[in-house]
Amino acid sequence: MVRSCSETDVSMRAANMTGGNVRLGKYMTAYPVSNGKHEPWVIKDSNGSYIAYLEWYSPWRQYVMNAESTAVFSHDCLSAIAGFCQKLTRQK
């Protein structure tokens, strides 16, 4: 099932980048996974299913997404994830 993420609120207010969850639009939430300097994030859909993993990619010096092979994303979901990756990268 393809869902729209038309409300792409990638605000860091809720998490304040200190370990809280971040809502990405209407259907996704990012959860931090503590592992030291470059904190990875797990993205789950509104059903709680894992759909992607965001991690620091040293060769490119930025956060990147590794999606679950069966995950399908609309353009606005991808925009929300891209915006979140940009915010994470800027904070490094």
N, C-alpha and C. Protein backbone atom coordinates (compact mmCIF):
# COMPACT_ATOMS: atom_id res chain seq x y z
N MET A 1 0.84 -1.17 0.00
CA MET A 1 0.00 0.00 0.00
C MET A 1 0.89 1.25 0.00
N VAL A 2 0.61 2.18 -0.89
CA VAL A 2 1.36 3.42 -0.97
C VAL A 2 0.59 4.49 -0.20
N ARG A 3 1.27 5.19 0.65
CA ARG A 3 0.63 6.25 1.44
C ARG A 3 1.29 7.58 1.13
N SER A 4 0.53 8.63 1.26
CA SER A 4 1.06 9.97 1.05
C SER A 4 1.62 10.52 2.34
N CYS A 5 2.67 11.27 2.22
CA CYS A 5 3.28 11.92 3.39
C CYS A 5 3.16 13.42 3.22
N SER A 6 1.99 13.90 2.86
CA SER A 6 1.82 15.30 2.50
C SER A 6 2.17 16.26 3.62
N GLU A 7 2.10 15.81 4.85
CA GLU A 7 2.49 16.66 5.98
C GLU A 7 3.92 16.32 6.35
N THR A 8 4.87 16.89 5.62
CA THR A 8 6.28 16.53 5.83
C THR A 8 6.91 17.42 6.88
N ASP A 9 6.44 17.31 8.11
CA ASP A 9 7.00 18.06 9.21
C ASP A 9 8.22 17.33 9.74
N VAL A 10 9.40 17.82 9.36
CA VAL A 10 10.62 17.18 9.83
C VAL A 10 11.25 18.00 10.95
N SER A 11 10.41 18.64 11.72
CA SER A 11 10.87 19.47 12.82
C SER A 11 11.61 18.64 13.86
N MET A 12 12.66 19.21 14.39
CA MET A 12 13.42 18.54 15.44
C MET A 12 12.93 18.94 16.82
N ARG A 13 11.85 19.70 16.90
CA ARG A 13 11.37 20.16 18.19
C ARG A 13 11.14 19.03 19.17
N ALA A 14 10.42 18.03 18.75
CA ALA A 14 10.06 16.93 19.66
C ALA A 14 11.28 16.19 20.16
N ALA A 15 12.20 15.92 19.28
CA ALA A 15 13.37 15.15 19.68
C ALA A 15 14.47 16.03 20.22
N ASN A 16 14.56 17.23 19.70
CA ASN A 16 15.61 18.17 20.08
C ASN A 16 16.98 17.53 19.92
N MET A 17 17.04 16.49 19.08
CA MET A 17 18.28 15.79 18.75
C MET A 17 19.00 15.24 19.98
N THR A 18 18.26 14.94 21.02
CA THR A 18 18.87 14.40 22.22
C THR A 18 18.38 13.00 22.53
N GLY A 19 17.83 12.31 21.57
CA GLY A 19 17.43 10.94 21.81
C GLY A 19 15.96 10.66 21.66
N GLY A 20 15.14 11.67 21.34
CA GLY A 20 13.72 11.42 21.17
C GLY A 20 13.36 11.03 19.76
N ASN A 21 12.15 10.55 19.59
CA ASN A 21 11.66 10.18 18.28
C ASN A 21 11.28 11.43 17.48
N VAL A 22 11.35 11.33 16.15
CA VAL A 22 11.02 12.46 15.29
C VAL A 22 9.96 12.00 14.30
N ARG A 23 8.86 12.71 14.26
CA ARG A 23 7.77 12.42 13.34
C ARG A 23 8.14 12.96 11.96
N LEU A 24 8.04 12.12 10.93
CA LEU A 24 8.33 12.52 9.56
C LEU A 24 7.03 12.42 8.76
N GLY A 25 6.29 13.50 8.69
CA GLY A 25 5.01 13.49 7.99
C GLY A 25 3.96 12.74 8.79
N LYS A 26 2.92 12.29 8.09
CA LYS A 26 1.81 11.61 8.75
C LYS A 26 2.06 10.15 9.02
N TYR A 27 2.94 9.51 8.25
CA TYR A 27 3.03 8.06 8.27
C TYR A 27 4.36 7.47 8.71
N MET A 28 5.34 8.30 9.05
CA MET A 28 6.65 7.77 9.41
C MET A 28 7.15 8.41 10.69
N THR A 29 7.94 7.64 11.43
CA THR A 29 8.61 8.15 12.63
C THR A 29 10.04 7.63 12.62
N ALA A 30 10.98 8.51 12.96
CA ALA A 30 12.39 8.13 13.06
C ALA A 30 12.72 7.91 14.53
N TYR A 31 13.42 6.82 14.80
CA TYR A 31 13.81 6.44 16.16
C TYR A 31 15.34 6.38 16.23
N PRO A 32 15.95 7.11 17.15
CA PRO A 32 17.41 7.07 17.27
C PRO A 32 17.89 5.73 17.82
N VAL A 33 19.04 5.32 17.33
CA VAL A 33 19.69 4.10 17.81
C VAL A 33 21.07 4.54 18.29
N SER A 34 21.27 4.56 19.57
CA SER A 34 22.51 5.09 20.12
C SER A 34 23.68 4.16 19.84
N ASN A 35 24.72 4.72 19.22
CA ASN A 35 25.94 3.94 19.02
C ASN A 35 27.18 4.83 19.04
N GLY A 36 27.09 5.99 19.63
CA GLY A 36 28.26 6.84 19.73
C GLY A 36 28.16 8.11 18.91
N LYS A 37 29.23 8.46 18.25
CA LYS A 37 29.37 9.76 17.58
C LYS A 37 28.33 10.03 16.50
N HIS A 38 28.15 9.10 15.58
CA HIS A 38 27.22 9.29 14.47
C HIS A 38 26.01 8.41 14.67
N GLU A 39 25.04 8.96 15.36
CA GLU A 39 23.87 8.20 15.76
C GLU A 39 23.02 7.77 14.56
N PRO A 40 22.82 6.47 14.35
CA PRO A 40 21.93 6.02 13.28
C PRO A 40 20.47 6.13 13.72
N TRP A 41 19.57 6.10 12.75
CA TRP A 41 18.13 6.20 13.00
C TRP A 41 17.40 5.09 12.25
N VAL A 42 16.38 4.54 12.88
CA VAL A 42 15.49 3.58 12.24
C VAL A 42 14.21 4.32 11.89
N ILE A 43 13.70 4.11 10.69
CA ILE A 43 12.42 4.71 10.29
C ILE A 43 11.38 3.62 10.22
N LYS A 44 10.26 3.87 10.89
CA LYS A 44 9.14 2.93 10.88
C LYS A 44 7.90 3.62 10.34
N ASP A 45 7.01 2.83 9.73
CA ASP A 45 5.76 3.39 9.22
C ASP A 45 4.74 3.48 10.36
N SER A 46 3.53 3.92 10.03
CA SER A 46 2.50 4.12 11.06
C SER A 46 2.05 2.81 11.70
N ASN A 47 2.36 1.68 11.08
CA ASN A 47 2.05 0.37 11.66
C ASN A 47 3.17 -0.16 12.55
N GLY A 48 4.26 0.59 12.64
CA GLY A 48 5.40 0.17 13.44
C GLY A 48 6.36 -0.75 12.71
N SER A 49 6.17 -0.90 11.40
CA SER A 49 7.05 -1.76 10.61
C SER A 49 8.30 -1.00 10.18
N TYR A 50 9.44 -1.66 10.27
CA TYR A 50 10.71 -1.09 9.83
C TYR A 50 10.66 -0.87 8.32
N ILE A 51 11.01 0.35 7.86
CA ILE A 51 11.04 0.60 6.42
C ILE A 51 12.39 1.13 5.93
N ALA A 52 13.19 1.69 6.84
CA ALA A 52 14.48 2.23 6.41
C ALA A 52 15.39 2.46 7.60
N TYR A 53 16.65 2.68 7.28
CA TYR A 53 17.69 2.92 8.28
C TYR A 53 18.53 4.10 7.77
N LEU A 54 18.72 5.10 8.61
CA LEU A 54 19.57 6.24 8.25
C LEU A 54 20.87 6.11 9.01
N GLU A 55 21.97 6.27 8.30
CA GLU A 55 23.27 6.14 8.95
C GLU A 55 24.28 7.09 8.32
N TRP A 56 25.32 7.39 9.09
CA TRP A 56 26.41 8.23 8.62
C TRP A 56 27.26 7.44 7.63
N TYR A 57 27.50 8.04 6.46
CA TYR A 57 28.32 7.40 5.43
C TYR A 57 29.59 8.24 5.28
N SER A 58 30.67 7.76 5.87
CA SER A 58 31.92 8.52 5.96
C SER A 58 32.49 8.97 4.61
N PRO A 59 32.50 8.11 3.57
CA PRO A 59 33.07 8.59 2.30
C PRO A 59 32.37 9.84 1.75
N TRP A 60 31.07 9.97 2.00
CA TRP A 60 30.34 11.14 1.51
C TRP A 60 30.15 12.20 2.58
N ARG A 61 30.54 11.89 3.83
CA ARG A 61 30.42 12.80 4.96
C ARG A 61 28.99 13.33 5.12
N GLN A 62 28.05 12.41 5.06
CA GLN A 62 26.64 12.77 5.23
C GLN A 62 25.81 11.54 5.62
N TYR A 63 24.60 11.79 6.11
CA TYR A 63 23.68 10.70 6.40
C TYR A 63 23.06 10.20 5.11
N VAL A 64 22.87 8.89 5.03
CA VAL A 64 22.25 8.25 3.87
C VAL A 64 21.16 7.29 4.35
N MET A 65 20.28 6.89 3.43
CA MET A 65 19.20 5.98 3.76
C MET A 65 19.44 4.61 3.12
N ASN A 66 19.24 3.57 3.91
CA ASN A 66 19.20 2.19 3.42
C ASN A 66 17.76 1.73 3.65
N ALA A 67 17.02 1.55 2.55
CA ALA A 67 15.61 1.19 2.66
C ALA A 67 15.41 -0.32 2.66
N GLU A 68 14.38 -0.75 3.33
CA GLU A 68 13.95 -2.14 3.27
C GLU A 68 13.60 -2.45 1.82
N SER A 69 13.96 -3.62 1.35
CA SER A 69 13.79 -3.94 -0.08
C SER A 69 12.34 -3.92 -0.54
N THR A 70 11.39 -4.12 0.37
CA THR A 70 9.98 -4.12 -0.03
C THR A 70 9.28 -2.80 0.22
N ALA A 71 10.00 -1.81 0.75
CA ALA A 71 9.40 -0.51 1.06
C ALA A 71 9.14 0.28 -0.23
N VAL A 72 8.02 0.97 -0.24
CA VAL A 72 7.65 1.84 -1.36
C VAL A 72 7.42 3.23 -0.79
N PHE A 73 8.02 4.25 -1.42
CA PHE A 73 7.94 5.62 -0.92
C PHE A 73 7.35 6.54 -1.97
N SER A 74 6.47 7.44 -1.55
CA SER A 74 5.99 8.49 -2.43
C SER A 74 7.02 9.62 -2.46
N HIS A 75 6.85 10.55 -3.40
CA HIS A 75 7.82 11.65 -3.50
C HIS A 75 7.86 12.49 -2.23
N ASP A 76 6.71 12.68 -1.57
CA ASP A 76 6.74 13.50 -0.37
C ASP A 76 7.33 12.76 0.83
N CYS A 77 7.22 11.43 0.86
CA CYS A 77 7.91 10.67 1.91
C CYS A 77 9.43 10.78 1.71
N LEU A 78 9.86 10.66 0.45
CA LEU A 78 11.29 10.79 0.16
C LEU A 78 11.80 12.19 0.50
N SER A 79 10.97 13.21 0.24
CA SER A 79 11.36 14.58 0.58
C SER A 79 11.52 14.75 2.08
N ALA A 80 10.60 14.14 2.85
CA ALA A 80 10.69 14.22 4.31
C ALA A 80 11.96 13.55 4.82
N ILE A 81 12.27 12.39 4.27
CA ILE A 81 13.48 11.68 4.68
C ILE A 81 14.73 12.45 4.27
N ALA A 82 14.72 12.99 3.04
CA ALA A 82 15.87 13.78 2.58
C ALA A 82 16.09 15.01 3.46
N GLY A 83 15.01 15.69 3.82
CA GLY A 83 15.13 16.85 4.70
C GLY A 83 15.68 16.48 6.07
N PHE A 84 15.25 15.35 6.58
CA PHE A 84 15.74 14.88 7.87
C PHE A 84 17.23 14.54 7.79
N CYS A 85 17.64 13.87 6.72
CA CYS A 85 19.06 13.56 6.52
C CYS A 85 19.89 14.84 6.45
N GLN A 86 19.39 15.85 5.77
CA GLN A 86 20.11 17.12 5.68
C GLN A 86 20.27 17.75 7.05
N LYS A 87 19.22 17.72 7.86
CA LYS A 87 19.31 18.30 9.21
C LYS A 87 20.30 17.54 10.07
N LEU A 88 20.28 16.21 9.97
CA LEU A 88 21.24 15.41 10.73
C LEU A 88 22.67 15.71 10.29
N THR A 89 22.88 15.81 8.99
CA THR A 89 24.22 16.08 8.46
C THR A 89 24.73 17.44 8.89
N ARG A 90 23.87 18.44 8.87
CA ARG A 90 24.28 19.80 9.28
C ARG A 90 24.71 19.85 10.73
N GLN A 91 24.19 18.96 11.54
CA GLN A 91 24.52 18.97 12.96
C GLN A 91 25.83 18.26 13.27
N LYS A 92 26.46 17.69 12.28
CA LYS A 92 27.74 16.99 12.50
C LYS A 92 28.89 17.94 12.33
